[in-house]
Amino acid sequence: MSYDFLLTLAIIMLFTKIFGLTSERVHMPQVVGALVAGVLVGPSGIAWVGETDFLVKAAEIGVIILMFNAGLDTDLKELKSTGVASFVIAVIGVVVPLLGGIGCYLAFSNRPDDPMNMLKAAFIGVVLTATSVSITVETLREMGKLKSKVGTAILGAAVIDDILGIVVLTVLTAFTDPAVKPLLVFGRIVAFFVFVLVVGFVMYKAFVKMDQMWHKHRRIAIYALVFAFLMSYVAERFFGIADITGAYFAGIVLCNLSATRDYVASKTNVLGYMLFSPLFFASIGIKTNLEGLTGSLILFAVALTVVAILTKIIGCGLGARVMGFEAYDALSIGLGMVSRGEVALIVAQKGAQAGLIDPAMFPAIVLVVIVTTLATPILLKFGMKRETPANTEFSAVEAAKMPNASRH
C-alpha cells in the first residue's frame, strides 16, 4: 500500500491555506488563492502533486459538501420568487454561449469536407454552456451575498443550466450513438424532479421528527450528510443528473428547518473547510496540463476564453434584465455564471469519448476552465462592490423596516 496520498493531503492543505490567506490580504476571496495553489503544485507548476484516483474522489466529496451547504443556505421563499427568473436566465445563458462556441470553432477550424464538422462545433458550444456554480457559491458566501436575491437567482439558474446542458449533450450524443434515446433522457429528468418532490416531502417530515427527539444531537448532522450522499448517488446513477444537483436539492429539503439547518451547516462547514473543500479547489488547478498547447491552439484558447466569459455575461445578464433586475444586478448575475469548472471538463471528456472533440483541443478547453474559474471570484469582487437591495442578504422590505433606514 502506498502512503503518497498523505503527502498529497499535506501539500494541498498547506498551500491552499497559505495562498488563501495571501489572497485575502489583497482583498480577494480565499478561493482564488486555493485555485492558484492547485495550479502551482500541479503539472503546470512545480509538479509536486498529480491527479490521482484518491484526489478525484476526495474532490468530488468536496464539491458535494459545498453544494449541500449551498442548498442549506438557500432562502426557499426567495428561490420561489426567483424561480421563473432563474429559468429565463438559464435558457438565454445556454443559448448565447452555445452559439458563441459554435462560431468560435468554425472561425478557427472550419472543415466543410468533414461530415461531423457542425457536430464538433456544436459540442464546443455545449462545453461553454455548462456553469460550475461551486466557485461562485464560495465567493458569494465569503462576500455575505449568497442568500440575496441575486445569489439565489444565480444558484437557481445554475441548477437549471446544468439540466439544460445535459439535455443538449444527450441530443448531440444521440447523433453519434444510436443507443442513446433523447426521449428516455427527458423522461428521466422529469422523473428526477418527481422523485425529489416525493422523497423531499418524506425526509422533511422525518427530520422534523428527529429534531423534536434529538435536538442538536450529532446524529442529526450524520443523517443529513447520509441523505446528501444518497441523493447525489441516486441523481447520477439512476437519472443521469449531476451528483452535485442531487446534493443541492438535499440541502433545499432541510433549508426551512431553521434549528436543524443551522446545526447541520455548522458541522458540515467544518468538514468541508478543514479538508474536502481545499482538495476540490486545488484539484481544478492540478487538472491543468498546458504542455500540448501549440501557437494556433493558444490563439484558439484565448479566443474561446473571451467568448466563454462574454457570452455568459451577455446571455445571463440579458435574461436577468428581461426578468426585471436592475442593470447593475443583471451584470452581477452574468458575472456569477462565468465559471465553467468541473462541469465543462466532464462535457469535454464525453465529447472526446464520442469522437466529437479532438484530443489536441483538450488543453485549450482546460485553459478556458481555469481562466473562467479564476476570473469569476475576481469579477464578482469588483462587480458587486455597490450594495443594492437585490444583492444584500435581506429584502428591500426588511431594509425599509430597519432603524434609521431613511438616512442611508
Protein backbone atom coordinates (compact mmCIF):
# COMPACT_ATOMS: atom_id res chain seq x y z
CA MET A 1 0.00 0.00 0.00
CA SER A 2 1.31 3.44 -0.96
CA TYR A 3 1.12 6.27 1.55
CA ASP A 4 1.75 9.02 -1.03
CA PHE A 5 -1.83 10.24 -0.57
CA LEU A 6 -0.85 11.52 2.90
CA LEU A 7 1.89 13.67 1.34
CA THR A 8 -0.64 14.89 -1.27
CA LEU A 9 -3.04 15.88 1.53
CA ALA A 10 -0.34 17.72 3.45
CA ILE A 11 0.91 19.67 0.41
CA ILE A 12 -2.58 20.68 -0.75
CA MET A 13 -3.82 21.71 2.70
CA LEU A 14 -0.68 23.75 3.42
CA PHE A 15 -0.51 25.53 0.05
CA THR A 16 -4.25 26.25 -0.24
CA LYS A 17 -4.23 27.80 3.24
CA ILE A 18 -1.08 29.91 2.64
CA PHE A 19 -2.30 31.14 -0.74
CA GLY A 20 -5.86 31.56 0.55
CA LEU A 21 -4.67 33.86 3.35
CA THR A 22 -2.40 35.74 0.90
CA SER A 23 -5.39 36.18 -1.41
CA GLU A 24 -7.44 37.53 1.49
CA ARG A 25 -4.69 40.06 2.32
CA VAL A 26 -5.01 41.59 -1.16
CA HIS A 27 -8.83 41.76 -0.73
CA MET A 28 -9.60 38.74 -2.92
CA PRO A 29 -11.73 35.73 -1.88
CA GLN A 30 -9.67 32.87 -0.40
CA VAL A 31 -10.91 30.56 -3.14
CA VAL A 32 -8.72 32.45 -5.67
CA GLY A 33 -5.64 31.54 -3.64
CA ALA A 34 -6.74 27.91 -3.40
CA LEU A 35 -7.11 27.70 -7.19
CA VAL A 36 -3.70 29.31 -7.77
CA ALA A 37 -2.18 26.88 -5.25
CA GLY A 38 -3.58 23.97 -7.27
CA VAL A 39 -2.02 25.29 -10.49
CA LEU A 40 1.32 25.87 -8.71
CA VAL A 41 1.67 22.39 -7.15
CA GLY A 42 0.20 20.63 -10.20
CA PRO A 43 1.72 19.53 -13.54
CA SER A 44 1.74 23.10 -14.93
CA GLY A 45 3.76 24.34 -11.93
CA ILE A 46 6.31 22.57 -9.73
CA ALA A 47 4.57 19.20 -10.31
CA TRP A 48 4.61 18.05 -6.69
CA VAL A 49 1.07 16.71 -6.97
CA GLY A 50 -0.62 14.89 -9.86
CA GLU A 51 -4.19 13.82 -10.45
CA THR A 52 -4.85 10.51 -8.69
CA ASP A 53 -7.96 8.40 -8.11
CA PHE A 54 -7.85 9.39 -4.43
CA LEU A 55 -7.74 13.10 -5.25
CA VAL A 56 -10.53 12.85 -7.85
CA LYS A 57 -12.85 11.11 -5.39
CA ALA A 58 -11.95 13.34 -2.43
CA ALA A 59 -12.52 16.42 -4.62
CA GLU A 60 -15.93 15.03 -5.61
CA ILE A 61 -16.86 14.70 -1.94
CA GLY A 62 -15.70 18.30 -1.51
CA VAL A 63 -17.99 19.67 -4.22
CA ILE A 64 -20.92 17.57 -2.93
CA ILE A 65 -20.50 19.03 0.59
CA LEU A 66 -20.12 22.51 -0.90
CA MET A 67 -23.37 22.22 -2.88
CA PHE A 68 -25.21 20.60 0.04
CA ASN A 69 -24.24 23.59 2.19
CA ALA A 70 -25.36 25.92 -0.62
CA GLY A 71 -28.76 24.21 -0.50
CA LEU A 72 -28.89 24.60 3.29
CA ASP A 73 -28.07 28.30 2.93
CA THR A 74 -30.78 28.90 0.33
CA ASP A 75 -33.74 31.07 1.22
CA LEU A 76 -36.64 28.95 -0.09
CA LYS A 77 -39.06 31.88 -0.25
CA GLU A 78 -36.53 33.86 -2.28
CA LEU A 79 -35.90 30.82 -4.51
CA LYS A 80 -39.63 30.54 -5.23
CA SER A 81 -39.81 34.23 -6.03
CA THR A 82 -36.84 33.97 -8.44
CA GLY A 83 -37.80 30.58 -9.94
CA VAL A 84 -39.18 31.92 -13.24
CA ALA A 85 -36.35 34.46 -13.45
CA SER A 86 -33.77 31.69 -12.89
CA PHE A 87 -35.32 29.64 -15.69
CA VAL A 88 -35.23 32.54 -18.18
CA ILE A 89 -31.66 33.43 -17.15
CA ALA A 90 -30.59 29.80 -17.60
CA VAL A 91 -32.23 29.40 -21.04
CA ILE A 92 -30.71 32.57 -22.53
CA GLY A 93 -27.47 31.78 -20.67
CA VAL A 94 -27.30 28.44 -22.52
CA VAL A 95 -28.32 29.62 -25.99
CA VAL A 96 -25.86 32.56 -26.26
CA PRO A 97 -22.70 30.59 -25.21
CA LEU A 98 -23.80 27.66 -27.42
CA LEU A 99 -23.93 29.94 -30.47
CA GLY A 100 -20.71 31.68 -29.41
CA GLY A 101 -18.83 28.37 -29.09
CA ILE A 102 -20.09 27.18 -32.49
CA GLY A 103 -18.98 30.45 -34.10
CA CYS A 104 -15.55 30.35 -32.44
CA TYR A 105 -14.89 26.76 -33.57
CA LEU A 106 -15.97 27.46 -37.16
CA ALA A 107 -13.76 30.57 -37.27
CA PHE A 108 -10.65 28.56 -36.32
CA SER A 109 -11.32 25.02 -37.58
CA ASN A 110 -13.92 25.08 -40.33
CA ARG A 111 -13.68 21.90 -42.43
CA PRO A 112 -16.68 21.67 -44.77
CA ASP A 113 -15.42 18.30 -46.09
CA ASP A 114 -15.81 16.77 -42.60
CA PRO A 115 -19.38 15.39 -42.24
CA MET A 116 -19.09 15.78 -38.44
CA ASN A 117 -17.89 19.40 -38.66
CA MET A 118 -21.11 21.03 -37.40
CA LEU A 119 -21.50 18.43 -34.64
CA LYS A 120 -17.94 19.12 -33.46
CA ALA A 121 -18.64 22.86 -33.50
CA ALA A 122 -21.88 22.29 -31.56
CA PHE A 123 -20.02 20.24 -28.95
CA ILE A 124 -17.56 23.07 -28.31
CA GLY A 125 -20.65 25.23 -27.83
CA VAL A 126 -22.06 22.74 -25.31
CA VAL A 127 -18.80 22.89 -23.33
CA LEU A 128 -19.36 26.65 -22.93
CA THR A 129 -22.99 26.26 -21.77
CA ALA A 130 -22.22 24.45 -18.50
CA THR A 131 -21.90 26.64 -15.40
CA SER A 132 -19.94 25.46 -12.38
CA VAL A 133 -21.56 27.35 -9.53
CA SER A 134 -19.40 25.91 -6.73
CA ILE A 135 -16.74 28.64 -7.08
CA THR A 136 -19.46 31.31 -7.18
CA VAL A 137 -21.16 29.82 -4.11
CA GLU A 138 -17.97 30.05 -2.04
CA THR A 139 -17.25 33.58 -3.30
CA LEU A 140 -20.78 34.83 -2.56
CA ARG A 141 -20.66 33.23 0.89
CA GLU A 142 -17.35 34.99 1.66
CA MET A 143 -18.88 38.28 0.45
CA GLY A 144 -22.06 37.76 2.51
CA LYS A 145 -24.33 37.77 -0.57
CA LEU A 146 -25.26 34.09 -1.00
CA LYS A 147 -28.79 34.47 0.42
CA SER A 148 -29.52 37.64 -1.52
CA LYS A 149 -31.96 37.81 -4.44
CA VAL A 150 -29.01 37.95 -6.86
CA GLY A 151 -27.29 34.99 -5.15
CA THR A 152 -30.48 32.91 -5.18
CA ALA A 153 -31.12 33.70 -8.85
CA ILE A 154 -27.57 32.59 -9.72
CA LEU A 155 -27.98 29.31 -7.78
CA GLY A 156 -31.36 28.53 -9.34
CA ALA A 157 -30.16 29.41 -12.85
CA ALA A 158 -27.01 27.28 -12.44
CA VAL A 159 -29.03 24.19 -11.46
CA ILE A 160 -31.42 24.66 -14.43
CA ASP A 161 -28.41 25.47 -16.61
CA ASP A 162 -26.86 22.06 -15.86
CA ILE A 163 -30.13 20.27 -16.63
CA LEU A 164 -30.41 22.08 -19.98
CA GLY A 165 -26.75 21.28 -20.68
CA ILE A 166 -27.41 17.57 -20.08
CA VAL A 167 -30.39 17.69 -22.50
CA VAL A 168 -28.31 19.36 -25.25
CA LEU A 169 -25.39 17.00 -24.60
CA THR A 170 -27.69 13.98 -24.87
CA VAL A 171 -29.30 15.18 -28.10
CA LEU A 172 -25.90 15.73 -29.73
CA THR A 173 -24.54 12.40 -28.50
CA ALA A 174 -27.64 10.69 -29.93
CA PHE A 175 -26.47 11.67 -33.42
CA THR A 176 -23.28 9.61 -32.95
CA ASP A 177 -24.59 6.88 -30.63
CA PRO A 178 -27.89 5.24 -31.66
CA ALA A 179 -28.13 3.60 -28.22
CA VAL A 180 -28.83 6.99 -26.59
CA LYS A 181 -32.53 7.89 -26.76
CA PRO A 182 -33.31 11.58 -26.12
CA LEU A 183 -36.93 10.90 -25.15
CA LEU A 184 -35.76 8.47 -22.48
CA VAL A 185 -33.41 11.14 -21.10
CA PHE A 186 -36.19 13.74 -20.96
CA GLY A 187 -38.31 11.20 -19.11
CA ARG A 188 -35.51 10.62 -16.60
CA ILE A 189 -35.17 14.35 -15.93
CA VAL A 190 -38.91 14.67 -15.25
CA ALA A 191 -38.79 11.54 -13.09
CA PHE A 192 -35.88 13.02 -11.10
CA PHE A 193 -37.89 16.09 -10.13
CA VAL A 194 -40.89 13.93 -9.18
CA PHE A 195 -38.50 11.82 -7.09
CA VAL A 196 -37.11 14.95 -5.40
CA LEU A 197 -40.62 16.17 -4.52
CA VAL A 198 -41.73 12.84 -3.04
CA VAL A 199 -38.51 11.98 -1.20
CA GLY A 200 -38.06 15.61 -0.15
CA PHE A 201 -41.52 15.68 1.48
CA VAL A 202 -40.90 12.39 3.32
CA MET A 203 -37.42 13.39 4.51
CA TYR A 204 -38.59 16.84 5.58
CA LYS A 205 -41.19 15.23 7.86
CA ALA A 206 -38.59 12.72 9.11
CA PHE A 207 -36.12 15.48 10.05
CA VAL A 208 -38.87 17.48 11.80
CA LYS A 209 -39.46 14.37 13.95
CA MET A 210 -35.72 13.87 14.51
CA ASP A 211 -35.30 17.48 15.59
CA GLN A 212 -38.03 17.05 18.22
CA MET A 213 -36.41 13.84 19.52
CA TRP A 214 -32.67 14.70 19.29
CA HIS A 215 -32.42 18.49 19.15
CA LYS A 216 -28.84 19.47 18.18
CA HIS A 217 -27.57 15.92 18.54
CA ARG A 218 -24.59 14.83 16.43
CA ARG A 219 -26.57 12.01 14.82
CA ILE A 220 -28.80 14.56 13.03
CA ALA A 221 -25.77 16.01 11.20
CA ILE A 222 -24.63 12.49 10.25
CA TYR A 223 -28.09 11.53 8.96
CA ALA A 224 -28.24 14.79 6.97
CA LEU A 225 -24.88 14.05 5.33
CA VAL A 226 -26.01 10.49 4.57
CA PHE A 227 -29.10 11.97 2.91
CA ALA A 228 -26.90 14.30 0.80
CA PHE A 229 -24.65 11.46 -0.37
CA LEU A 230 -27.63 9.22 -1.19
CA MET A 231 -29.31 11.99 -3.19
CA SER A 232 -26.04 12.58 -5.06
CA TYR A 233 -25.70 8.88 -5.85
CA VAL A 234 -29.31 8.42 -6.95
CA ALA A 235 -29.23 11.54 -9.16
CA GLU A 236 -26.12 10.37 -11.03
CA ARG A 237 -26.74 6.61 -11.02
CA PHE A 238 -30.44 6.35 -11.84
CA PHE A 239 -31.36 9.65 -13.52
CA GLY A 240 -28.18 10.74 -15.30
CA ILE A 241 -28.29 14.09 -13.45
CA ALA A 242 -25.09 15.58 -11.98
CA ASP A 243 -24.44 14.37 -8.43
CA ILE A 244 -23.99 17.97 -7.23
CA THR A 245 -27.59 18.69 -8.28
CA GLY A 246 -28.78 15.88 -6.00
CA ALA A 247 -26.68 17.29 -3.14
CA TYR A 248 -28.07 20.80 -3.69
CA PHE A 249 -31.67 19.53 -3.53
CA ALA A 250 -30.85 17.57 -0.36
CA GLY A 251 -29.85 20.89 1.22
CA ILE A 252 -33.00 22.56 -0.13
CA VAL A 253 -35.14 19.94 1.64
CA LEU A 254 -33.59 20.89 5.00
CA CYS A 255 -33.21 24.67 4.50
CA ASN A 256 -36.61 25.52 6.06
CA LEU A 257 -35.81 23.68 9.31
CA SER A 258 -34.00 26.65 10.87
CA ALA A 259 -32.65 24.92 14.01
CA THR A 260 -31.67 21.70 12.22
CA ARG A 261 -30.29 23.61 9.23
CA ASP A 262 -28.02 25.80 11.35
CA TYR A 263 -26.74 22.88 13.39
CA VAL A 264 -26.08 20.65 10.34
CA ALA A 265 -24.43 23.54 8.48
CA SER A 266 -22.13 24.26 11.45
CA LYS A 267 -20.87 20.65 11.31
CA THR A 268 -20.63 20.18 7.53
CA ASN A 269 -18.97 23.59 7.06
CA VAL A 270 -16.14 22.48 9.36
CA LEU A 271 -15.82 19.18 7.49
CA GLY A 272 -15.64 20.99 4.14
CA TYR A 273 -13.43 23.87 5.30
CA MET A 274 -10.87 21.65 7.05
CA LEU A 275 -10.36 19.02 4.36
CA PHE A 276 -12.62 18.44 1.38
CA SER A 277 -13.17 21.96 0.00
CA PRO A 278 -9.41 22.72 -0.28
CA LEU A 279 -8.96 19.39 -2.11
CA PHE A 280 -11.73 20.28 -4.56
CA PHE A 281 -10.48 23.79 -5.35
CA ALA A 282 -6.87 22.65 -5.66
CA SER A 283 -7.87 19.71 -7.90
CA ILE A 284 -9.15 22.12 -10.57
CA GLY A 285 -5.68 23.67 -10.83
CA ILE A 286 -3.98 20.27 -10.66
CA LYS A 287 -6.02 19.06 -13.66
CA THR A 288 -4.28 21.70 -15.77
CA ASN A 289 -1.54 20.48 -18.09
CA LEU A 290 -0.79 23.05 -20.76
CA GLU A 291 2.10 21.18 -22.46
CA GLY A 292 0.01 20.30 -25.53
CA LEU A 293 -0.73 23.91 -26.48
CA THR A 294 0.70 24.99 -29.86
CA GLY A 295 0.68 28.55 -31.22
CA SER A 296 -2.59 28.14 -33.12
CA LEU A 297 -4.20 26.31 -30.19
CA ILE A 298 -3.14 29.09 -27.81
CA LEU A 299 -4.83 31.59 -30.13
CA PHE A 300 -7.95 29.40 -30.24
CA ALA A 301 -7.86 29.01 -26.43
CA VAL A 302 -7.62 32.79 -25.91
CA ALA A 303 -10.50 33.43 -28.34
CA LEU A 304 -12.60 30.67 -26.76
CA THR A 305 -11.91 32.06 -23.26
CA VAL A 306 -13.01 35.57 -24.29
CA VAL A 307 -16.15 34.12 -25.94
CA ALA A 308 -16.83 31.98 -22.83
CA ILE A 309 -16.70 34.99 -20.50
CA LEU A 310 -18.60 37.46 -22.69
CA THR A 311 -21.40 35.09 -23.77
CA LYS A 312 -22.27 34.16 -20.17
CA ILE A 313 -22.23 37.78 -19.03
CA ILE A 314 -24.33 38.88 -22.03
CA GLY A 315 -26.69 35.86 -22.07
CA CYS A 316 -27.40 35.65 -18.33
CA GLY A 317 -27.32 39.43 -17.89
CA LEU A 318 -29.85 39.81 -20.71
CA GLY A 319 -32.08 37.16 -19.13
CA ALA A 320 -31.88 38.99 -15.78
CA ARG A 321 -32.80 42.31 -17.42
CA VAL A 322 -35.76 40.67 -19.19
CA MET A 323 -36.95 39.46 -15.77
CA GLY A 324 -36.80 42.95 -14.24
CA PHE A 325 -33.42 43.03 -12.49
CA GLU A 326 -31.67 46.41 -12.48
CA ALA A 327 -28.70 46.71 -14.87
CA TYR A 328 -26.14 46.55 -12.03
CA ASP A 329 -27.67 43.39 -10.54
CA ALA A 330 -28.13 41.83 -14.01
CA LEU A 331 -24.39 42.31 -14.63
CA SER A 332 -23.64 40.69 -11.24
CA ILE A 333 -25.74 37.66 -12.21
CA GLY A 334 -23.89 37.41 -15.53
CA LEU A 335 -20.53 37.58 -13.72
CA GLY A 336 -21.63 34.88 -11.26
CA MET A 337 -22.39 32.48 -14.12
CA VAL A 338 -18.99 32.81 -15.85
CA SER A 339 -17.18 29.90 -14.13
CA ARG A 340 -17.17 26.58 -16.02
CA GLY A 341 -15.19 24.37 -13.62
CA GLU A 342 -15.54 20.61 -13.50
CA VAL A 343 -18.84 20.54 -15.41
CA ALA A 344 -17.20 21.74 -18.64
CA LEU A 345 -14.37 19.21 -18.21
CA ILE A 346 -16.91 16.40 -17.86
CA VAL A 347 -18.75 17.56 -21.01
CA ALA A 348 -15.43 17.82 -22.90
CA GLN A 349 -14.49 14.31 -21.79
CA LYS A 350 -17.83 12.98 -23.05
CA GLY A 351 -17.18 14.75 -26.36
CA ALA A 352 -13.73 13.20 -26.66
CA GLN A 353 -15.19 9.74 -25.98
CA ALA A 354 -17.81 10.30 -28.70
CA GLY A 355 -15.11 11.45 -31.15
CA LEU A 356 -16.59 14.95 -31.33
CA ILE A 357 -13.71 16.78 -29.66
CA ASP A 358 -10.16 16.45 -30.94
CA PRO A 359 -7.89 15.41 -28.03
CA ALA A 360 -5.47 18.17 -29.16
CA MET A 361 -8.15 20.71 -28.22
CA PHE A 362 -8.41 19.46 -24.66
CA PRO A 363 -5.64 21.74 -23.28
CA ALA A 364 -7.44 24.73 -24.82
CA ILE A 365 -10.67 23.72 -23.06
CA VAL A 366 -8.80 23.19 -19.78
CA LEU A 367 -7.34 26.69 -20.15
CA VAL A 368 -10.87 28.09 -20.61
CA VAL A 369 -11.96 26.30 -17.45
CA ILE A 370 -9.02 27.56 -15.38
CA VAL A 371 -9.24 31.18 -16.59
CA THR A 372 -13.03 31.42 -16.14
CA THR A 373 -12.77 29.76 -12.72
CA LEU A 374 -10.02 32.13 -11.59
CA ALA A 375 -11.74 35.14 -13.15
CA THR A 376 -15.19 34.59 -11.59
CA PRO A 377 -14.36 35.43 -7.95
CA ILE A 378 -12.27 38.42 -9.07
CA LEU A 379 -15.03 39.71 -11.37
CA LEU A 380 -17.64 39.23 -8.63
CA LYS A 381 -15.48 41.01 -6.08
CA PHE A 382 -15.19 44.12 -8.24
CA GLY A 383 -18.58 43.76 -9.94
CA MET A 384 -20.61 43.64 -6.72
CA LYS A 385 -18.92 46.40 -4.73
CA ARG A 386 -22.05 48.52 -4.56
CA GLU A 387 -24.78 47.38 -2.16
CA THR A 388 -28.26 47.08 -3.68
CA PRO A 389 -31.49 45.67 -2.20
CA ALA A 390 -31.16 42.66 -4.53
CA ASN A 391 -27.56 41.74 -3.62
CA THR A 392 -27.78 42.03 0.17
CA GLU A 393 -28.91 39.20 2.42
CA PHE A 394 -32.21 40.83 3.33
CA SER A 395 -35.10 42.05 1.25
CA ALA A 396 -35.84 45.67 0.41
CA VAL A 397 -38.95 45.47 2.61
CA GLU A 398 -36.90 44.32 5.59
CA ALA A 399 -34.33 47.03 4.85
CA ALA A 400 -37.07 49.67 4.93
CA LYS A 401 -38.15 48.47 8.38
CA MET A 402 -34.64 48.80 9.81
CA PRO A 403 -33.95 51.72 12.20
CA ASN A 404 -32.54 54.82 10.50
CA ALA A 405 -33.10 53.20 7.06
CA SER A 406 -34.08 56.56 5.66
CA ARG A 407 -30.65 58.02 6.41
CA HIS A 408 -28.80 55.65 4.07
